[in-house]
Amino acid sequence: MRRFLQRVRFIFNVRKFIPFLFRFFASKEVSMQKKLLSCLLLIGYIVFPFDLIPDFFVFFGMLDDVAVFMFVLQQMVKMAPPKLKEQYGIQG
């Protein structure tokens, strides 16, 4: 239950990610490999949007897309240095 609540909180704090993403990619503390992996995950999903649930099921299809997007953001947060996480109040 605790993990579920953390994920819900993570979704509602998505607005914090815009400045976080800029700092993540501009930071010298984040290795180029981590930046490249993050880009590949994001671009890969955009280029190859394989859905587990087809988009013609409107709500559930969009929920599937949001879940994948949030998964990629969570992975980026896990790769970020602790200093960057603290600065934006993001827990990973």
PDB file of N, CA and C in Angstrom:
ATOM      1  N   MET A   1       0.818  -1.196   0.000  1.00  0.00           N
ATOM      2  CA  MET A   1       0.000   0.000   0.000  1.00  0.00           C
ATOM      3  C   MET A   1       0.860   1.258   0.000  1.00  0.00           C
ATOM      4  N   ARG A   2       1.963   1.206   0.747  1.00  0.00           N
ATOM      5  CA  ARG A   2       2.856   2.363   0.841  1.00  0.00           C
ATOM      6  C   ARG A   2       3.460   2.684  -0.519  1.00  0.00           C
ATOM      7  N   ARG A   3       3.855   1.664  -1.245  1.00  0.00           N
ATOM      8  CA  ARG A   3       4.440   1.846  -2.576  1.00  0.00           C
ATOM      9  C   ARG A   3       3.421   2.455  -3.536  1.00  0.00           C
ATOM     10  N   PHE A   4       2.170   2.038  -3.438  1.00  0.00           N
ATOM     11  CA  PHE A   4       1.114   2.590  -4.273  1.00  0.00           C
ATOM     12  C   PHE A   4       0.941   4.083  -4.000  1.00  0.00           C
ATOM     13  N   LEU A   5       0.949   4.466  -2.736  1.00  0.00           N
ATOM     14  CA  LEU A   5       0.806   5.871  -2.375  1.00  0.00           C
ATOM     15  C   LEU A   5       1.994   6.696  -2.876  1.00  0.00           C
ATOM     16  N   GLN A   6       3.185   6.121  -2.849  1.00  0.00           N
ATOM     17  CA  GLN A   6       4.354   6.811  -3.387  1.00  0.00           C
ATOM     18  C   GLN A   6       4.199   7.049  -4.881  1.00  0.00           C
ATOM     19  N   ARG A   7       3.667   6.087  -5.590  1.00  0.00           N
ATOM     20  CA  ARG A   7       3.463   6.249  -7.030  1.00  0.00           C
ATOM     21  C   ARG A   7       2.411   7.298  -7.330  1.00  0.00           C
ATOM     22  N   VAL A   8       1.352   7.335  -6.561  1.00  0.00           N
ATOM     23  CA  VAL A   8       0.315   8.343  -6.758  1.00  0.00           C
ATOM     24  C   VAL A   8       0.890   9.729  -6.494  1.00  0.00           C
ATOM     25  N   ARG A   9       1.651   9.872  -5.429  1.00  0.00           N
ATOM     26  CA  ARG A   9       2.298  11.144  -5.113  1.00  0.00           C
ATOM     27  C   ARG A   9       3.256  11.548  -6.234  1.00  0.00           C
ATOM     28  N   PHE A  10       3.958  10.575  -6.781  1.00  0.00           N
ATOM     29  CA  PHE A  10       4.886  10.819  -7.890  1.00  0.00           C
ATOM     30  C   PHE A  10       4.140  11.387  -9.097  1.00  0.00           C
ATOM     31  N   ILE A  11       2.985  10.838  -9.402  1.00  0.00           N
ATOM     32  CA  ILE A  11       2.190  11.304 -10.544  1.00  0.00           C
ATOM     33  C   ILE A  11       1.728  12.739 -10.339  1.00  0.00           C
ATOM     34  N   PHE A  12       1.281  13.071  -9.126  1.00  0.00           N
ATOM     35  CA  PHE A  12       0.779  14.414  -8.882  1.00  0.00           C
ATOM     36  C   PHE A  12       1.890  15.454  -8.792  1.00  0.00           C
ATOM     37  N   ASN A  13       3.130  15.027  -8.657  1.00  0.00           N
ATOM     38  CA  ASN A  13       4.255  15.958  -8.622  1.00  0.00           C
ATOM     39  C   ASN A  13       4.947  16.074  -9.973  1.00  0.00           C
ATOM     40  N   VAL A  14       4.279  15.692 -11.019  1.00  0.00           N
ATOM     41  CA  VAL A  14       4.872  15.694 -12.351  1.00  0.00           C
ATOM     42  C   VAL A  14       5.300  17.100 -12.783  1.00  0.00           C
ATOM     43  N   ARG A  15       4.669  18.131 -12.273  1.00  0.00           N
ATOM     44  CA  ARG A  15       5.019  19.495 -12.645  1.00  0.00           C
ATOM     45  C   ARG A  15       6.445  19.850 -12.217  1.00  0.00           C
ATOM     46  N   LYS A  16       6.958  19.184 -11.200  1.00  0.00           N
ATOM     47  CA  LYS A  16       8.321  19.413 -10.748  1.00  0.00           C
ATOM     48  C   LYS A  16       9.343  18.881 -11.746  1.00  0.00           C
ATOM     49  N   PHE A  17       8.911  18.035 -12.649  1.00  0.00           N
ATOM     50  CA  PHE A  17       9.855  17.373 -13.525  1.00  0.00           C
ATOM     51  C   PHE A  17      10.359  18.233 -14.671  1.00  0.00           C
ATOM     52  N   ILE A  18       9.646  19.273 -15.029  1.00  0.00           N
ATOM     53  CA  ILE A  18      10.108  20.099 -16.147  1.00  0.00           C
ATOM     54  C   ILE A  18      11.444  20.755 -15.812  1.00  0.00           C
ATOM     55  N   PRO A  19      11.564  21.493 -14.695  1.00  0.00           N
ATOM     56  CA  PRO A  19      12.885  22.038 -14.372  1.00  0.00           C
ATOM     57  C   PRO A  19      13.900  20.937 -14.022  1.00  0.00           C
ATOM     58  N   PHE A  20      13.413  19.860 -13.413  1.00  0.00           N
ATOM     59  CA  PHE A  20      14.308  18.743 -13.087  1.00  0.00           C
ATOM     60  C   PHE A  20      14.936  18.162 -14.347  1.00  0.00           C
ATOM     61  N   LEU A  21      14.120  17.988 -15.398  1.00  0.00           N
ATOM     62  CA  LEU A  21      14.640  17.425 -16.640  1.00  0.00           C
ATOM     63  C   LEU A  21      15.687  18.328 -17.275  1.00  0.00           C
ATOM     64  N   PHE A  22      15.460  19.630 -17.243  1.00  0.00           N
ATOM     65  CA  PHE A  22      16.471  20.557 -17.777  1.00  0.00           C
ATOM     66  C   PHE A  22      17.780  20.426 -17.010  1.00  0.00           C
ATOM     67  N   ARG A  23      17.700  20.386 -15.682  1.00  0.00           N
ATOM     68  CA  ARG A  23      18.914  20.249 -14.872  1.00  0.00           C
ATOM     69  C   ARG A  23      19.570  18.881 -15.054  1.00  0.00           C
ATOM     70  N   PHE A  24      18.741  17.856 -15.204  1.00  0.00           N
ATOM     71  CA  PHE A  24      19.261  16.500 -15.393  1.00  0.00           C
ATOM     72  C   PHE A  24      20.148  16.453 -16.634  1.00  0.00           C
ATOM     73  N   PHE A  25      19.660  17.005 -17.740  1.00  0.00           N
ATOM     74  CA  PHE A  25      20.421  16.959 -18.985  1.00  0.00           C
ATOM     75  C   PHE A  25      21.546  17.986 -19.040  1.00  0.00           C
ATOM     76  N   ALA A  26      21.464  19.060 -18.251  1.00  0.00           N
ATOM     77  CA  ALA A  26      22.513  20.074 -18.248  1.00  0.00           C
ATOM     78  C   ALA A  26      23.602  19.787 -17.212  1.00  0.00           C
ATOM     79  N   SER A  27      23.303  18.936 -16.247  1.00  0.00           N
ATOM     80  CA  SER A  27      24.232  18.662 -15.153  1.00  0.00           C
ATOM     81  C   SER A  27      25.459  17.881 -15.614  1.00  0.00           C
ATOM     82  N   LYS A  28      26.596  18.300 -15.100  1.00  0.00           N
ATOM     83  CA  LYS A  28      27.839  17.568 -15.373  1.00  0.00           C
ATOM     84  C   LYS A  28      27.996  16.372 -14.438  1.00  0.00           C
ATOM     85  N   GLU A  29      27.169  16.333 -13.380  1.00  0.00           N
ATOM     86  CA  GLU A  29      27.209  15.224 -12.430  1.00  0.00           C
ATOM     87  C   GLU A  29      26.571  13.957 -13.003  1.00  0.00           C
ATOM     88  N   VAL A  30      25.695  14.115 -13.983  1.00  0.00           N
ATOM     89  CA  VAL A  30      25.027  12.974 -14.604  1.00  0.00           C
ATOM     90  C   VAL A  30      25.874  12.540 -15.790  1.00  0.00           C
ATOM     91  N   SER A  31      26.228  11.264 -15.819  1.00  0.00           N
ATOM     92  CA  SER A  31      27.092  10.779 -16.896  1.00  0.00           C
ATOM     93  C   SER A  31      26.369  10.810 -18.243  1.00  0.00           C
ATOM     94  N   MET A  32      27.166  10.869 -19.295  1.00  0.00           N
ATOM     95  CA  MET A  32      26.612  10.915 -20.639  1.00  0.00           C
ATOM     96  C   MET A  32      25.843   9.628 -20.950  1.00  0.00           C
ATOM     97  N   GLN A  33      26.256   8.511 -20.389  1.00  0.00           N
ATOM     98  CA  GLN A  33      25.557   7.244 -20.607  1.00  0.00           C
ATOM     99  C   GLN A  33      24.129   7.304 -20.053  1.00  0.00           C
ATOM    100  N   LYS A  34      23.974   7.890 -18.880  1.00  0.00           N
ATOM    101  CA  LYS A  34      22.643   7.998 -18.270  1.00  0.00           C
ATOM    102  C   LYS A  34      21.762   8.941 -19.074  1.00  0.00           C
ATOM    103  N   LYS A  35      22.340  10.022 -19.556  1.00  0.00           N
ATOM    104  CA  LYS A  35      21.579  10.962 -20.379  1.00  0.00           C
ATOM    105  C   LYS A  35      21.152  10.288 -21.685  1.00  0.00           C
ATOM    106  N   LEU A  36      22.058   9.556 -22.291  1.00  0.00           N
ATOM    107  CA  LEU A  36      21.758   8.870 -23.544  1.00  0.00           C
ATOM    108  C   LEU A  36      20.685   7.801 -23.340  1.00  0.00           C
ATOM    109  N   LEU A  37      20.798   7.040 -22.277  1.00  0.00           N
ATOM    110  CA  LEU A  37      19.796   6.012 -21.974  1.00  0.00           C
ATOM    111  C   LEU A  37      18.416   6.644 -21.769  1.00  0.00           C
ATOM    112  N   SER A  38      18.364   7.749 -21.050  1.00  0.00           N
ATOM    113  CA  SER A  38      17.090   8.441 -20.827  1.00  0.00           C
ATOM    114  C   SER A  38      16.487   8.916 -22.140  1.00  0.00           C
ATOM    115  N   CYS A  39      17.315   9.492 -22.994  1.00  0.00           N
ATOM    116  CA  CYS A  39      16.830   9.951 -24.310  1.00  0.00           C
ATOM    117  C   CYS A  39      16.325   8.781 -25.139  1.00  0.00           C
ATOM    118  N   LEU A  40      17.056   7.691 -25.115  1.00  0.00           N
ATOM    119  CA  LEU A  40      16.643   6.524 -25.891  1.00  0.00           C
ATOM    120  C   LEU A  40      15.310   5.965 -25.395  1.00  0.00           C
ATOM    121  N   LEU A  41      15.116   5.943 -24.089  1.00  0.00           N
ATOM    122  CA  LEU A  41      13.844   5.465 -23.545  1.00  0.00           C
ATOM    123  C   LEU A  41      12.685   6.354 -23.972  1.00  0.00           C
ATOM    124  N   LEU A  42      12.879   7.660 -23.863  1.00  0.00           N
ATOM    125  CA  LEU A  42      11.804   8.597 -24.237  1.00  0.00           C
ATOM    126  C   LEU A  42      11.536   8.586 -25.735  1.00  0.00           C
ATOM    127  N   ILE A  43      12.590   8.659 -26.524  1.00  0.00           N
ATOM    128  CA  ILE A  43      12.426   8.672 -27.981  1.00  0.00           C
ATOM    129  C   ILE A  43      11.937   7.318 -28.477  1.00  0.00           C
ATOM    130  N   GLY A  44      12.432   6.264 -27.863  1.00  0.00           N
ATOM    131  CA  GLY A  44      11.997   4.920 -28.249  1.00  0.00           C
ATOM    132  C   GLY A  44      10.510   4.720 -28.076  1.00  0.00           C
ATOM    133  N   TYR A  45       9.971   5.250 -27.011  1.00  0.00           N
ATOM    134  CA  TYR A  45       8.533   5.090 -26.805  1.00  0.00           C
ATOM    135  C   TYR A  45       7.741   5.953 -27.787  1.00  0.00           C
ATOM    136  N   ILE A  46       8.262   7.114 -28.120  1.00  0.00           N
ATOM    137  CA  ILE A  46       7.573   7.981 -29.083  1.00  0.00           C
ATOM    138  C   ILE A  46       7.607   7.366 -30.477  1.00  0.00           C
ATOM    139  N   VAL A  47       8.757   6.822 -30.867  1.00  0.00           N
ATOM    140  CA  VAL A  47       8.914   6.248 -32.206  1.00  0.00           C
ATOM    141  C   VAL A  47       8.193   4.909 -32.331  1.00  0.00           C
ATOM    142  N   PHE A  48       8.268   4.094 -31.300  1.00  0.00           N
ATOM    143  CA  PHE A  48       7.643   2.773 -31.311  1.00  0.00           C
ATOM    144  C   PHE A  48       6.571   2.702 -30.224  1.00  0.00           C
ATOM    145  N   PRO A  49       5.435   3.328 -30.443  1.00  0.00           N
ATOM    146  CA  PRO A  49       4.413   3.362 -29.386  1.00  0.00           C
ATOM    147  C   PRO A  49       3.589   2.074 -29.306  1.00  0.00           C
ATOM    148  N   PHE A  50       4.254   0.991 -28.953  1.00  0.00           N
ATOM    149  CA  PHE A  50       3.532  -0.265 -28.776  1.00  0.00           C
ATOM    150  C   PHE A  50       2.717  -0.160 -27.495  1.00  0.00           C
ATOM    151  N   ASP A  51       1.441  -0.327 -27.629  1.00  0.00           N
ATOM    152  CA  ASP A  51       0.563  -0.209 -26.474  1.00  0.00           C
ATOM    153  C   ASP A  51       0.146  -1.586 -25.978  1.00  0.00           C
ATOM    154  N   LEU A  52       0.123  -1.701 -24.680  1.00  0.00           N
ATOM    155  CA  LEU A  52      -0.435  -2.911 -24.096  1.00  0.00           C
ATOM    156  C   LEU A  52      -1.948  -2.894 -24.252  1.00  0.00           C
ATOM    157  N   ILE A  53      -2.508  -1.691 -24.147  1.00  0.00           N
ATOM    158  CA  ILE A  53      -3.951  -1.499 -24.308  1.00  0.00           C
ATOM    159  C   ILE A  53      -4.138  -0.532 -25.472  1.00  0.00           C
ATOM    160  N   PRO A  54      -4.828  -0.918 -26.533  1.00  0.00           N
ATOM    161  CA  PRO A  54      -5.004  -0.036 -27.693  1.00  0.00           C
ATOM    162  C   PRO A  54      -5.687   1.289 -27.319  1.00  0.00           C
ATOM    163  N   ASP A  55      -5.346   2.347 -28.052  1.00  0.00           N
ATOM    164  CA  ASP A  55      -5.863   3.675 -27.737  1.00  0.00           C
ATOM    165  C   ASP A  55      -7.337   3.860 -28.066  1.00  0.00           C
ATOM    166  N   PHE A  56      -7.947   2.950 -28.797  1.00  0.00           N
ATOM    167  CA  PHE A  56      -9.372   3.124 -29.061  1.00  0.00           C
ATOM    168  C   PHE A  56     -10.215   2.841 -27.823  1.00  0.00           C
ATOM    169  N   PHE A  57      -9.635   2.224 -26.809  1.00  0.00           N
ATOM    170  CA  PHE A  57     -10.252   2.179 -25.480  1.00  0.00           C
ATOM    171  C   PHE A  57      -9.762   3.445 -24.774  1.00  0.00           C
ATOM    172  N   VAL A  58     -10.461   4.519 -24.962  1.00  0.00           N
ATOM    173  CA  VAL A  58      -9.963   5.864 -24.675  1.00  0.00           C
ATOM    174  C   VAL A  58      -9.288   5.991 -23.311  1.00  0.00           C
ATOM    175  N   PHE A  59      -9.988   5.776 -22.246  1.00  0.00           N
ATOM    176  CA  PHE A  59      -9.416   5.996 -20.920  1.00  0.00           C
ATOM    177  C   PHE A  59      -8.266   5.031 -20.636  1.00  0.00           C
ATOM    178  N   PHE A  60      -8.482   3.753 -20.880  1.00  0.00           N
ATOM    179  CA  PHE A  60      -7.467   2.758 -20.554  1.00  0.00           C
ATOM    180  C   PHE A  60      -6.259   2.856 -21.485  1.00  0.00           C
ATOM    181  N   GLY A  61      -6.480   3.237 -22.732  1.00  0.00           N
ATOM    182  CA  GLY A  61      -5.374   3.433 -23.671  1.00  0.00           C
ATOM    183  C   GLY A  61      -4.485   4.583 -23.252  1.00  0.00           C
ATOM    184  N   MET A  62      -5.091   5.662 -22.781  1.00  0.00           N
ATOM    185  CA  MET A  62      -4.309   6.806 -22.309  1.00  0.00           C
ATOM    186  C   MET A  62      -3.610   6.464 -20.999  1.00  0.00           C
ATOM    187  N   LEU A  63      -4.257   5.698 -20.163  1.00  0.00           N
ATOM    188  CA  LEU A  63      -3.661   5.284 -18.897  1.00  0.00           C
ATOM    189  C   LEU A  63      -2.395   4.467 -19.139  1.00  0.00           C
ATOM    190  N   ASP A  64      -2.415   3.642 -20.150  1.00  0.00           N
ATOM    191  CA  ASP A  64      -1.257   2.856 -20.545  1.00  0.00           C
ATOM    192  C   ASP A  64      -0.094   3.779 -20.936  1.00  0.00           C
ATOM    193  N   ASP A  65      -0.378   4.807 -21.723  1.00  0.00           N
ATOM    194  CA  ASP A  65       0.661   5.749 -22.149  1.00  0.00           C
ATOM    195  C   ASP A  65       1.235   6.512 -20.960  1.00  0.00           C
ATOM    196  N   VAL A  66       0.383   6.934 -20.062  1.00  0.00           N
ATOM    197  CA  VAL A  66       0.834   7.653 -18.876  1.00  0.00           C
ATOM    198  C   VAL A  66       1.707   6.741 -18.007  1.00  0.00           C
ATOM    199  N   ALA A  67       1.334   5.496 -17.892  1.00  0.00           N
ATOM    200  CA  ALA A  67       2.119   4.551 -17.081  1.00  0.00           C
ATOM    201  C   ALA A  67       3.524   4.376 -17.640  1.00  0.00           C
ATOM    202  N   VAL A  68       3.653   4.260 -18.942  1.00  0.00           N
ATOM    203  CA  VAL A  68       4.982   4.106 -19.543  1.00  0.00           C
ATOM    204  C   VAL A  68       5.793   5.382 -19.356  1.00  0.00           C
ATOM    205  N   PHE A  69       5.164   6.532 -19.567  1.00  0.00           N
ATOM    206  CA  PHE A  69       5.844   7.811 -19.383  1.00  0.00           C
ATOM    207  C   PHE A  69       6.329   7.966 -17.942  1.00  0.00           C
ATOM    208  N   MET A  70       5.486   7.624 -16.986  1.00  0.00           N
ATOM    209  CA  MET A  70       5.872   7.725 -15.580  1.00  0.00           C
ATOM    210  C   MET A  70       6.990   6.746 -15.237  1.00  0.00           C
ATOM    211  N   PHE A  71       6.978   5.574 -15.849  1.00  0.00           N
ATOM    212  CA  PHE A  71       8.049   4.609 -15.629  1.00  0.00           C
ATOM    213  C   PHE A  71       9.389   5.190 -16.088  1.00  0.00           C
ATOM    214  N   VAL A  72       9.395   5.816 -17.256  1.00  0.00           N
ATOM    215  CA  VAL A  72      10.628   6.417 -17.771  1.00  0.00           C
ATOM    216  C   VAL A  72      11.094   7.533 -16.841  1.00  0.00           C
ATOM    217  N   LEU A  73      10.178   8.368 -16.374  1.00  0.00           N
ATOM    218  CA  LEU A  73      10.555   9.432 -15.438  1.00  0.00           C
ATOM    219  C   LEU A  73      11.108   8.869 -14.132  1.00  0.00           C
ATOM    220  N   GLN A  74      10.509   7.803 -13.640  1.00  0.00           N
ATOM    221  CA  GLN A  74      11.020   7.193 -12.406  1.00  0.00           C
ATOM    222  C   GLN A  74      12.438   6.672 -12.605  1.00  0.00           C
ATOM    223  N   GLN A  75      12.709   6.097 -13.761  1.00  0.00           N
ATOM    224  CA  GLN A  75      14.060   5.599 -14.027  1.00  0.00           C
ATOM    225  C   GLN A  75      15.058   6.744 -14.088  1.00  0.00           C
ATOM    226  N   MET A  76      14.649   7.868 -14.654  1.00  0.00           N
ATOM    227  CA  MET A  76      15.525   9.036 -14.708  1.00  0.00           C
ATOM    228  C   MET A  76      15.798   9.576 -13.312  1.00  0.00           C
ATOM    229  N   VAL A  77      14.793   9.580 -12.458  1.00  0.00           N
ATOM    230  CA  VAL A  77      14.980  10.034 -11.079  1.00  0.00           C
ATOM    231  C   VAL A  77      15.948   9.104 -10.357  1.00  0.00           C
ATOM    232  N   LYS A  78      15.831   7.816 -10.580  1.00  0.00           N
ATOM    233  CA  LYS A  78      16.738   6.862  -9.929  1.00  0.00           C
ATOM    234  C   LYS A  78      18.179   7.065 -10.385  1.00  0.00           C
ATOM    235  N   MET A  79      18.370   7.493 -11.633  1.00  0.00           N
ATOM    236  CA  MET A  79      19.718   7.709 -12.161  1.00  0.00           C
ATOM    237  C   MET A  79      20.308   9.055 -11.743  1.00  0.00           C
ATOM    238  N   ALA A  80      19.482   9.969 -11.291  1.00  0.00           N
ATOM    239  CA  ALA A  80      19.934  11.314 -10.939  1.00  0.00           C
ATOM    240  C   ALA A  80      20.764  11.290  -9.662  1.00  0.00           C
ATOM    241  N   PRO A  81      21.720  12.199  -9.559  1.00  0.00           N
ATOM    242  CA  PRO A  81      22.508  12.280  -8.321  1.00  0.00           C
ATOM    243  C   PRO A  81      21.633  12.771  -7.156  1.00  0.00           C
ATOM    244  N   PRO A  82      21.950  12.364  -5.938  1.00  0.00           N
ATOM    245  CA  PRO A  82      21.146  12.743  -4.759  1.00  0.00           C
ATOM    246  C   PRO A  82      20.979  14.252  -4.598  1.00  0.00           C
ATOM    247  N   LYS A  83      22.008  14.999  -4.934  1.00  0.00           N
ATOM    248  CA  LYS A  83      21.946  16.456  -4.805  1.00  0.00           C
ATOM    249  C   LYS A  83      20.836  17.044  -5.678  1.00  0.00           C
ATOM    250  N   LEU A  84      20.691  16.531  -6.865  1.00  0.00           N
ATOM    251  CA  LEU A  84      19.668  17.001  -7.792  1.00  0.00           C
ATOM    252  C   LEU A  84      18.265  16.620  -7.304  1.00  0.00           C
ATOM    253  N   LYS A  85      18.137  15.428  -6.752  1.00  0.00           N
ATOM    254  CA  LYS A  85      16.849  14.996  -6.202  1.00  0.00           C
ATOM    255  C   LYS A  85      16.420  15.879  -5.036  1.00  0.00           C
ATOM    256  N   GLU A  86      17.372  16.178  -4.164  1.00  0.00           N
ATOM    257  CA  GLU A  86      17.071  17.015  -2.991  1.00  0.00           C
ATOM    258  C   GLU A  86      16.667  18.416  -3.421  1.00  0.00           C
ATOM    259  N   GLN A  87      17.345  18.944  -4.431  1.00  0.00           N
ATOM    260  CA  GLN A  87      17.073  20.308  -4.886  1.00  0.00           C
ATOM    261  C   GLN A  87      15.626  20.473  -5.336  1.00  0.00           C
ATOM    262  N   TYR A  88      15.084  19.455  -5.980  1.00  0.00           N
ATOM    263  CA  TYR A  88      13.717  19.535  -6.489  1.00  0.00           C
ATOM    264  C   TYR A  88      12.712  18.803  -5.609  1.00  0.00           C
ATOM    265  N   GLY A  89      13.143  18.245  -4.509  1.00  0.00           N
ATOM    266  CA  GLY A  89      12.245  17.583  -3.587  1.00  0.00           C
ATOM    267  C   GLY A  89      11.609  16.333  -4.179  1.00  0.00           C
ATOM    268  N   ILE A  90      12.377  15.639  -4.982  1.00  0.00           N
ATOM    269  CA  ILE A  90      11.883  14.434  -5.646  1.00  0.00           C
ATOM    270  C   ILE A  90      12.543  13.236  -4.995  1.00  0.00           C
ATOM    271  N   GLN A  91      11.713  12.251  -4.669  1.00  0.00           N
ATOM    272  CA  GLN A  91      12.245  11.033  -4.082  1.00  0.00           C
ATOM    273  C   GLN A  91      12.210   9.941  -5.125  1.00  0.00           C
ATOM    274  N   GLY A  92      13.208   9.138  -5.165  1.00  0.00           N
ATOM    275  CA  GLY A  92      13.243   8.064  -6.147  1.00  0.00           C
ATOM    276  C   GLY A  92      13.618   6.827  -5.492  1.00  0.00           C
TER     277      GLY A  92
END
